[in-house]
Amino acid sequence: MSFLLTRWSREQDQPIPRSNAARFKALSGPGLVLYAFSISFAAIDWVMSIDPSWISTIYGLILLIGEVLSAMCFAVVVERILVNYKPMSEWLRPNFVHDHGNWMLTFLMLWAYFSFSQLLIIWAGNLPDEITWYFRRFHGGWPIPGIILIFFHFVVPFALLLSRPFKRDVRKLVWLAVWLMIMRWVDLLWIIEPNFSPRVTVTWADIILPVALGGIWMWLYFRNLNSMPLLSVNDADAREVLEPAHG
């Protein structure tokens, strides 16, 4: 999907561009559904299976929403980097940034809702084969990361994202985006690590592996970003952006 979207985007940089809007929609719509299923299966096979005696029907959605939130935060970070350069400095408007802030707020609320729903259902059921997952995370110092997630992954970001001026300023929003990406790492640590360590433990692998895997992805991303113009000047949709620059 990434290959096709990149290829079709490159076609719009030609002197006689081809309109690929219909193809973008035809691939991206079903692609989002496929992405949701694939991430859900990956979450079950790679993470939930670490504790084979425990299951949760909403588990895949929690990790899925966390990934989408990270993606929106990463988009804001990239916007902040590129806003100092043309044509992004002329194209990126406050209402665009405001929309991305609203998306961050939406996925933040969904993450909190799904996480709380899982806790509430398991707490109400109080079944021995279900409470073991939370029992590990309520002992041995693991409640500390949980409390950090409640306040700094939801309460504080939620309060900040309610501010309209804050969401319209990419120079302010980027700091929250970076912070939420760090909190996503804390959340994954809290989800995975208690299965192996009864007490709070952070190893070198917990830091090096995300940096290494993320570094490979970042290299591919910026290599791809550098290979094409930031704005397709031959695209009909770019006319609205270019007209103000030409008076």
C-alpha atoms as a PDB file:
ATOM      1  CA  MET A   1       0.000   0.000   0.000  1.00  0.00           C
ATOM      2  CA  SER A   2       2.825   2.389   0.853  1.00  0.00           C
ATOM      3  CA  PHE A   3       4.552   1.550  -2.438  1.00  0.00           C
ATOM      4  CA  LEU A   4       1.417   2.245  -4.486  1.00  0.00           C
ATOM      5  CA  LEU A   5       0.563   5.488  -2.678  1.00  0.00           C
ATOM      6  CA  THR A   6       4.133   6.734  -3.145  1.00  0.00           C
ATOM      7  CA  ARG A   7       4.155   5.749  -6.799  1.00  0.00           C
ATOM      8  CA  TRP A   8       0.860   7.472  -7.520  1.00  0.00           C
ATOM      9  CA  SER A   9       1.994  10.555  -5.633  1.00  0.00           C
ATOM     10  CA  ARG A  10       5.133  10.694  -7.768  1.00  0.00           C
ATOM     11  CA  GLU A  11       2.991  10.616 -10.912  1.00  0.00           C
ATOM     12  CA  GLN A  12       1.409  13.921  -9.846  1.00  0.00           C
ATOM     13  CA  ASP A  13       4.827  15.600 -10.058  1.00  0.00           C
ATOM     14  CA  GLN A  14       5.008  15.074 -13.826  1.00  0.00           C
ATOM     15  CA  PRO A  15       4.582  18.031 -16.240  1.00  0.00           C
ATOM     16  CA  ILE A  16       1.255  16.549 -17.333  1.00  0.00           C
ATOM     17  CA  PRO A  17      -0.031  15.191 -14.026  1.00  0.00           C
ATOM     18  CA  ARG A  18      -2.522  12.404 -13.717  1.00  0.00           C
ATOM     19  CA  SER A  19      -5.313  12.829 -11.205  1.00  0.00           C
ATOM     20  CA  ASN A  20      -5.039   9.931  -8.791  1.00  0.00           C
ATOM     21  CA  ALA A  21      -7.606  11.110  -6.243  1.00  0.00           C
ATOM     22  CA  ALA A  22      -9.982   8.242  -7.066  1.00  0.00           C
ATOM     23  CA  ARG A  23      -7.205   5.657  -6.807  1.00  0.00           C
ATOM     24  CA  PHE A  24      -6.020   7.127  -3.492  1.00  0.00           C
ATOM     25  CA  LYS A  25      -9.525   6.752  -2.042  1.00  0.00           C
ATOM     26  CA  ALA A  26     -10.050   3.280  -3.509  1.00  0.00           C
ATOM     27  CA  LEU A  27      -6.863   1.992  -1.876  1.00  0.00           C
ATOM     28  CA  SER A  28      -6.872   3.964   1.386  1.00  0.00           C
ATOM     29  CA  GLY A  29     -10.446   3.135   2.418  1.00  0.00           C
ATOM     30  CA  PRO A  30     -10.128  -0.673   2.365  1.00  0.00           C
ATOM     31  CA  GLY A  31      -6.498  -0.242   3.422  1.00  0.00           C
ATOM     32  CA  LEU A  32      -7.546   1.258   6.743  1.00  0.00           C
ATOM     33  CA  VAL A  33      -9.794  -1.749   7.373  1.00  0.00           C
ATOM     34  CA  LEU A  34      -6.975  -4.131   6.452  1.00  0.00           C
ATOM     35  CA  TYR A  35      -4.623  -2.204   8.723  1.00  0.00           C
ATOM     36  CA  ALA A  36      -7.038  -2.497  11.644  1.00  0.00           C
ATOM     37  CA  PHE A  37      -7.325  -6.264  11.217  1.00  0.00           C
ATOM     38  CA  SER A  38      -3.598  -6.811  10.725  1.00  0.00           C
ATOM     39  CA  ILE A  39      -2.625  -4.781  13.800  1.00  0.00           C
ATOM     40  CA  SER A  40      -5.277  -6.534  15.890  1.00  0.00           C
ATOM     41  CA  PHE A  41      -3.935  -9.957  14.872  1.00  0.00           C
ATOM     42  CA  ALA A  42      -0.369  -8.801  15.519  1.00  0.00           C
ATOM     43  CA  ALA A  43      -1.304  -7.516  18.982  1.00  0.00           C
ATOM     44  CA  ILE A  44      -2.888 -10.862  19.847  1.00  0.00           C
ATOM     45  CA  ASP A  45      -0.128 -13.048  18.389  1.00  0.00           C
ATOM     46  CA  TRP A  46       2.869 -11.010  19.530  1.00  0.00           C
ATOM     47  CA  VAL A  47       1.767  -9.446  22.822  1.00  0.00           C
ATOM     48  CA  MET A  48      -1.382 -10.963  24.312  1.00  0.00           C
ATOM     49  CA  SER A  49      -0.040 -14.472  23.717  1.00  0.00           C
ATOM     50  CA  ILE A  50       2.763 -13.741  26.210  1.00  0.00           C
ATOM     51  CA  ASP A  51       0.166 -14.524  28.866  1.00  0.00           C
ATOM     52  CA  PRO A  52      -1.641 -17.486  27.231  1.00  0.00           C
ATOM     53  CA  SER A  53      -4.143 -17.878  30.074  1.00  0.00           C
ATOM     54  CA  TRP A  54      -5.553 -14.353  29.641  1.00  0.00           C
ATOM     55  CA  ILE A  55      -7.727 -12.900  26.872  1.00  0.00           C
ATOM     56  CA  SER A  56      -9.373  -9.564  26.124  1.00  0.00           C
ATOM     57  CA  THR A  57     -11.619  -8.859  23.146  1.00  0.00           C
ATOM     58  CA  ILE A  58     -10.741  -5.153  23.141  1.00  0.00           C
ATOM     59  CA  TYR A  59      -6.986  -5.670  23.460  1.00  0.00           C
ATOM     60  CA  GLY A  60      -6.220  -5.257  19.762  1.00  0.00           C
ATOM     61  CA  LEU A  61      -8.175  -2.004  19.581  1.00  0.00           C
ATOM     62  CA  ILE A  62      -6.184  -0.525  22.478  1.00  0.00           C
ATOM     63  CA  LEU A  63      -2.891  -1.062  20.649  1.00  0.00           C
ATOM     64  CA  LEU A  64      -4.442  -0.015  17.334  1.00  0.00           C
ATOM     65  CA  ILE A  65      -5.631   3.325  18.692  1.00  0.00           C
ATOM     66  CA  GLY A  66      -2.249   3.817  20.366  1.00  0.00           C
ATOM     67  CA  GLU A  67      -0.541   3.399  17.001  1.00  0.00           C
ATOM     68  CA  VAL A  68      -2.898   5.830  15.277  1.00  0.00           C
ATOM     69  CA  LEU A  69      -2.290   8.377  18.036  1.00  0.00           C
ATOM     70  CA  SER A  70       1.454   7.964  17.570  1.00  0.00           C
ATOM     71  CA  ALA A  71       1.024   8.472  13.824  1.00  0.00           C
ATOM     72  CA  MET A  72      -0.829  11.762  14.318  1.00  0.00           C
ATOM     73  CA  CYS A  73       1.804  12.931  16.794  1.00  0.00           C
ATOM     74  CA  PHE A  74       4.549  12.051  14.328  1.00  0.00           C
ATOM     75  CA  ALA A  75       2.733  14.008  11.599  1.00  0.00           C
ATOM     76  CA  VAL A  76       2.716  17.092  13.841  1.00  0.00           C
ATOM     77  CA  VAL A  77       6.442  16.684  14.529  1.00  0.00           C
ATOM     78  CA  VAL A  78       7.191  16.494  10.789  1.00  0.00           C
ATOM     79  CA  GLU A  79       5.020  19.550  10.171  1.00  0.00           C
ATOM     80  CA  ARG A  80       6.989  21.480  12.771  1.00  0.00           C
ATOM     81  CA  ILE A  81      10.262  20.545  11.063  1.00  0.00           C
ATOM     82  CA  LEU A  82       9.058  21.461   7.583  1.00  0.00           C
ATOM     83  CA  VAL A  83       7.179  24.646   8.500  1.00  0.00           C
ATOM     84  CA  ASN A  84      10.470  26.550   8.365  1.00  0.00           C
ATOM     85  CA  TYR A  85      10.885  25.755   4.664  1.00  0.00           C
ATOM     86  CA  LYS A  86       8.960  26.594   1.539  1.00  0.00           C
ATOM     87  CA  PRO A  87       6.443  25.605   0.320  1.00  0.00           C
ATOM     88  CA  MET A  88       5.310  24.163   3.671  1.00  0.00           C
ATOM     89  CA  SER A  89       5.680  27.570   5.364  1.00  0.00           C
ATOM     90  CA  GLU A  90       3.045  28.974   2.958  1.00  0.00           C
ATOM     91  CA  TRP A  91       0.853  25.887   2.732  1.00  0.00           C
ATOM     92  CA  LEU A  92       0.524  24.878   6.402  1.00  0.00           C
ATOM     93  CA  ARG A  93      -2.310  26.950   7.792  1.00  0.00           C
ATOM     94  CA  PRO A  94      -3.607  27.145  11.385  1.00  0.00           C
ATOM     95  CA  ASN A  95      -6.830  25.332  10.497  1.00  0.00           C
ATOM     96  CA  PHE A  96      -4.818  22.365   9.153  1.00  0.00           C
ATOM     97  CA  VAL A  97      -2.867  22.144  12.406  1.00  0.00           C
ATOM     98  CA  HIS A  98      -6.122  22.563  14.328  1.00  0.00           C
ATOM     99  CA  ASP A  99      -7.576  19.520  12.559  1.00  0.00           C
ATOM    100  CA  HIS A 100      -4.548  17.446  13.483  1.00  0.00           C
ATOM    101  CA  GLY A 101      -4.895  18.563  17.095  1.00  0.00           C
ATOM    102  CA  ASN A 102      -8.536  17.471  17.023  1.00  0.00           C
ATOM    103  CA  TRP A 103      -7.501  14.073  15.702  1.00  0.00           C
ATOM    104  CA  MET A 104      -4.987  13.765  18.524  1.00  0.00           C
ATOM    105  CA  LEU A 105      -7.737  14.584  21.024  1.00  0.00           C
ATOM    106  CA  THR A 106     -10.092  12.052  19.424  1.00  0.00           C
ATOM    107  CA  PHE A 107      -7.635   9.167  19.532  1.00  0.00           C
ATOM    108  CA  LEU A 108      -6.496  10.144  23.015  1.00  0.00           C
ATOM    109  CA  MET A 109     -10.079   9.876  24.259  1.00  0.00           C
ATOM    110  CA  LEU A 110     -10.574   6.570  22.432  1.00  0.00           C
ATOM    111  CA  TRP A 111      -7.420   5.145  24.010  1.00  0.00           C
ATOM    112  CA  ALA A 112      -8.627   6.166  27.478  1.00  0.00           C
ATOM    113  CA  TYR A 113     -12.131   4.820  26.806  1.00  0.00           C
ATOM    114  CA  PHE A 114     -10.922   1.426  25.574  1.00  0.00           C
ATOM    115  CA  SER A 115      -8.379   1.084  28.380  1.00  0.00           C
ATOM    116  CA  PHE A 116     -10.937   1.962  31.060  1.00  0.00           C
ATOM    117  CA  SER A 117     -13.576  -0.301  29.486  1.00  0.00           C
ATOM    118  CA  GLN A 118     -11.210  -3.273  29.638  1.00  0.00           C
ATOM    119  CA  LEU A 119     -10.411  -2.562  33.298  1.00  0.00           C
ATOM    120  CA  LEU A 120     -14.075  -2.046  34.222  1.00  0.00           C
ATOM    121  CA  ILE A 121     -15.292  -5.252  32.558  1.00  0.00           C
ATOM    122  CA  ILE A 122     -12.553  -7.393  34.124  1.00  0.00           C
ATOM    123  CA  TRP A 123     -13.035  -5.771  37.535  1.00  0.00           C
ATOM    124  CA  ALA A 124     -16.799  -6.360  37.411  1.00  0.00           C
ATOM    125  CA  GLY A 125     -16.395  -9.976  36.319  1.00  0.00           C
ATOM    126  CA  ASN A 126     -13.707 -10.665  38.952  1.00  0.00           C
ATOM    127  CA  LEU A 127     -12.788 -14.018  37.397  1.00  0.00           C
ATOM    128  CA  PRO A 128      -9.505 -15.667  38.469  1.00  0.00           C
ATOM    129  CA  ASP A 129      -8.302 -16.273  34.898  1.00  0.00           C
ATOM    130  CA  GLU A 130      -8.920 -12.611  33.928  1.00  0.00           C
ATOM    131  CA  ILE A 131      -7.685 -10.610  36.930  1.00  0.00           C
ATOM    132  CA  THR A 132      -4.146 -12.041  36.742  1.00  0.00           C
ATOM    133  CA  TRP A 133      -3.225  -9.496  34.048  1.00  0.00           C
ATOM    134  CA  TYR A 134      -4.086  -6.526  36.244  1.00  0.00           C
ATOM    135  CA  PHE A 135      -2.865  -8.241  39.401  1.00  0.00           C
ATOM    136  CA  ARG A 136       0.696  -8.167  38.036  1.00  0.00           C
ATOM    137  CA  ARG A 137       0.364  -4.483  37.178  1.00  0.00           C
ATOM    138  CA  PHE A 138      -1.055  -3.502  40.571  1.00  0.00           C
ATOM    139  CA  HIS A 139       1.947  -4.847  42.488  1.00  0.00           C
ATOM    140  CA  GLY A 140       5.736  -4.660  42.502  1.00  0.00           C
ATOM    141  CA  GLY A 141       5.945  -0.964  41.687  1.00  0.00           C
ATOM    142  CA  TRP A 142       4.020  -1.291  38.415  1.00  0.00           C
ATOM    143  CA  PRO A 143       1.172   0.952  39.678  1.00  0.00           C
ATOM    144  CA  ILE A 144       3.592   3.902  39.345  1.00  0.00           C
ATOM    145  CA  PRO A 145       3.772   3.736  35.514  1.00  0.00           C
ATOM    146  CA  GLY A 146       0.004   3.190  35.526  1.00  0.00           C
ATOM    147  CA  ILE A 147      -0.574   6.388  37.515  1.00  0.00           C
ATOM    148  CA  ILE A 148       1.841   8.248  35.234  1.00  0.00           C
ATOM    149  CA  LEU A 149      -0.203   7.092  32.227  1.00  0.00           C
ATOM    150  CA  ILE A 150      -3.466   8.256  33.788  1.00  0.00           C
ATOM    151  CA  PHE A 151      -2.257  11.789  34.404  1.00  0.00           C
ATOM    152  CA  PHE A 152       0.367  12.391  31.700  1.00  0.00           C
ATOM    153  CA  HIS A 153      -1.039  10.239  28.908  1.00  0.00           C
ATOM    154  CA  PHE A 154      -4.630  11.391  29.354  1.00  0.00           C
ATOM    155  CA  VAL A 155      -5.551  14.035  31.950  1.00  0.00           C
ATOM    156  CA  VAL A 156      -2.916  16.688  31.154  1.00  0.00           C
ATOM    157  CA  PRO A 157      -2.907  16.184  27.337  1.00  0.00           C
ATOM    158  CA  PHE A 158      -6.722  16.137  27.342  1.00  0.00           C
ATOM    159  CA  ALA A 159      -6.845  19.486  29.159  1.00  0.00           C
ATOM    160  CA  LEU A 160      -4.292  21.050  26.792  1.00  0.00           C
ATOM    161  CA  LEU A 161      -6.031  19.776  23.653  1.00  0.00           C
ATOM    162  CA  LEU A 162      -9.283  21.437  24.729  1.00  0.00           C
ATOM    163  CA  SER A 163      -7.645  24.795  23.999  1.00  0.00           C
ATOM    164  CA  ARG A 164      -8.356  26.016  20.468  1.00  0.00           C
ATOM    165  CA  PRO A 165      -5.357  28.432  20.302  1.00  0.00           C
ATOM    166  CA  PHE A 166      -3.048  25.673  21.513  1.00  0.00           C
ATOM    167  CA  LYS A 167      -4.154  23.307  18.750  1.00  0.00           C
ATOM    168  CA  ARG A 168      -3.734  25.955  16.039  1.00  0.00           C
ATOM    169  CA  ASP A 169      -0.083  26.667  16.871  1.00  0.00           C
ATOM    170  CA  VAL A 170       2.205  23.921  15.574  1.00  0.00           C
ATOM    171  CA  ARG A 171       5.118  25.349  17.589  1.00  0.00           C
ATOM    172  CA  LYS A 172       3.218  24.597  20.799  1.00  0.00           C
ATOM    173  CA  LEU A 173       1.418  21.462  19.677  1.00  0.00           C
ATOM    174  CA  VAL A 174       4.683  19.746  18.712  1.00  0.00           C
ATOM    175  CA  TRP A 175       5.858  19.594  22.334  1.00  0.00           C
ATOM    176  CA  LEU A 176       2.711  17.749  23.350  1.00  0.00           C
ATOM    177  CA  ALA A 177       3.079  15.449  20.336  1.00  0.00           C
ATOM    178  CA  VAL A 178       6.622  14.501  21.380  1.00  0.00           C
ATOM    179  CA  TRP A 179       5.485  13.967  24.970  1.00  0.00           C
ATOM    180  CA  LEU A 180       2.625  11.691  23.892  1.00  0.00           C
ATOM    181  CA  MET A 181       5.027   9.599  21.820  1.00  0.00           C
ATOM    182  CA  ILE A 182       7.131   9.103  24.950  1.00  0.00           C
ATOM    183  CA  MET A 183       4.004   8.156  26.872  1.00  0.00           C
ATOM    184  CA  ARG A 184       3.188   5.598  24.186  1.00  0.00           C
ATOM    185  CA  TRP A 185       6.520   3.941  24.982  1.00  0.00           C
ATOM    186  CA  VAL A 186       5.660   3.963  28.704  1.00  0.00           C
ATOM    187  CA  ASP A 187       2.275   2.408  27.919  1.00  0.00           C
ATOM    188  CA  LEU A 188       3.837  -0.399  25.881  1.00  0.00           C
ATOM    189  CA  LEU A 189       6.374  -0.974  28.647  1.00  0.00           C
ATOM    190  CA  TRP A 190       3.530  -1.227  31.183  1.00  0.00           C
ATOM    191  CA  ILE A 191       1.640  -3.642  28.926  1.00  0.00           C
ATOM    192  CA  ILE A 192       4.534  -5.982  28.057  1.00  0.00           C
ATOM    193  CA  GLU A 193       7.214  -5.902  30.763  1.00  0.00           C
ATOM    194  CA  PRO A 194       5.172  -7.125  33.808  1.00  0.00           C
ATOM    195  CA  ASN A 195       4.798 -10.473  32.046  1.00  0.00           C
ATOM    196  CA  PHE A 196       8.536 -10.985  32.546  1.00  0.00           C
ATOM    197  CA  SER A 197       9.431  -8.903  35.627  1.00  0.00           C
ATOM    198  CA  PRO A 198       7.411  -8.902  38.873  1.00  0.00           C
ATOM    199  CA  ARG A 199       8.933  -5.521  39.772  1.00  0.00           C
ATOM    200  CA  VAL A 200       9.496  -2.384  37.688  1.00  0.00           C
ATOM    201  CA  THR A 201      12.444  -3.066  35.415  1.00  0.00           C
ATOM    202  CA  VAL A 202      13.790  -1.142  32.439  1.00  0.00           C
ATOM    203  CA  THR A 203      16.570  -2.884  30.514  1.00  0.00           C
ATOM    204  CA  TRP A 204      18.851  -1.628  27.770  1.00  0.00           C
ATOM    205  CA  ALA A 205      16.808  -3.664  25.280  1.00  0.00           C
ATOM    206  CA  ASP A 206      13.700  -1.690  26.209  1.00  0.00           C
ATOM    207  CA  ILE A 207      15.480   1.441  24.994  1.00  0.00           C
ATOM    208  CA  ILE A 208      17.782   0.187  22.252  1.00  0.00           C
ATOM    209  CA  LEU A 209      15.243  -1.906  20.340  1.00  0.00           C
ATOM    210  CA  PRO A 210      12.672   0.898  19.830  1.00  0.00           C
ATOM    211  CA  VAL A 211      15.477   3.251  18.769  1.00  0.00           C
ATOM    212  CA  ALA A 212      16.961   0.668  16.384  1.00  0.00           C
ATOM    213  CA  LEU A 213      13.685  -0.376  14.775  1.00  0.00           C
ATOM    214  CA  GLY A 214      12.424   3.206  14.713  1.00  0.00           C
ATOM    215  CA  GLY A 215      15.728   4.344  13.218  1.00  0.00           C
ATOM    216  CA  ILE A 216      15.347   1.962  10.277  1.00  0.00           C
ATOM    217  CA  TRP A 217      11.813   3.173   9.656  1.00  0.00           C
ATOM    218  CA  MET A 218      12.853   6.844  10.005  1.00  0.00           C
ATOM    219  CA  TRP A 219      15.674   6.359   7.511  1.00  0.00           C
ATOM    220  CA  LEU A 220      13.263   4.910   4.958  1.00  0.00           C
ATOM    221  CA  TYR A 221      10.688   7.627   5.658  1.00  0.00           C
ATOM    222  CA  PHE A 222      13.045  10.593   5.253  1.00  0.00           C
ATOM    223  CA  ARG A 223      14.731   8.952   2.270  1.00  0.00           C
ATOM    224  CA  ASN A 224      11.324   8.722   0.638  1.00  0.00           C
ATOM    225  CA  LEU A 225      10.430  12.273   1.710  1.00  0.00           C
ATOM    226  CA  ASN A 226      13.649  13.653   0.230  1.00  0.00           C
ATOM    227  CA  SER A 227      13.102  11.945  -3.125  1.00  0.00           C
ATOM    228  CA  MET A 228       9.998  13.966  -4.058  1.00  0.00           C
ATOM    229  CA  PRO A 229       8.849  17.587  -3.873  1.00  0.00           C
ATOM    230  CA  LEU A 230       6.957  18.531  -0.731  1.00  0.00           C
ATOM    231  CA  LEU A 231       4.195  19.990  -2.885  1.00  0.00           C
ATOM    232  CA  SER A 232       3.070  18.700  -6.260  1.00  0.00           C
ATOM    233  CA  VAL A 233       3.168  21.945  -8.232  1.00  0.00           C
ATOM    234  CA  ASN A 234       1.511  20.374 -11.279  1.00  0.00           C
ATOM    235  CA  ASP A 235      -1.426  19.085  -9.294  1.00  0.00           C
ATOM    236  CA  ALA A 236      -4.669  21.000  -9.803  1.00  0.00           C
ATOM    237  CA  ASP A 237      -5.257  21.009  -6.045  1.00  0.00           C
ATOM    238  CA  ALA A 238      -2.034  22.984  -5.540  1.00  0.00           C
ATOM    239  CA  ARG A 239      -3.382  26.020  -7.397  1.00  0.00           C
ATOM    240  CA  GLU A 240      -5.028  27.401  -4.273  1.00  0.00           C
ATOM    241  CA  VAL A 241      -1.687  27.276  -2.457  1.00  0.00           C
ATOM    242  CA  LEU A 242       0.375  28.821  -5.234  1.00  0.00           C
ATOM    243  CA  GLU A 243      -1.946  31.705  -6.146  1.00  0.00           C
ATOM    244  CA  PRO A 244      -1.286  33.808  -3.005  1.00  0.00           C
ATOM    245  CA  ALA A 245       2.461  33.529  -3.592  1.00  0.00           C
ATOM    246  CA  HIS A 246       2.034  34.992  -7.086  1.00  0.00           C
ATOM    247  CA  GLY A 247      -0.225  37.811  -5.922  1.00  0.00           C
END
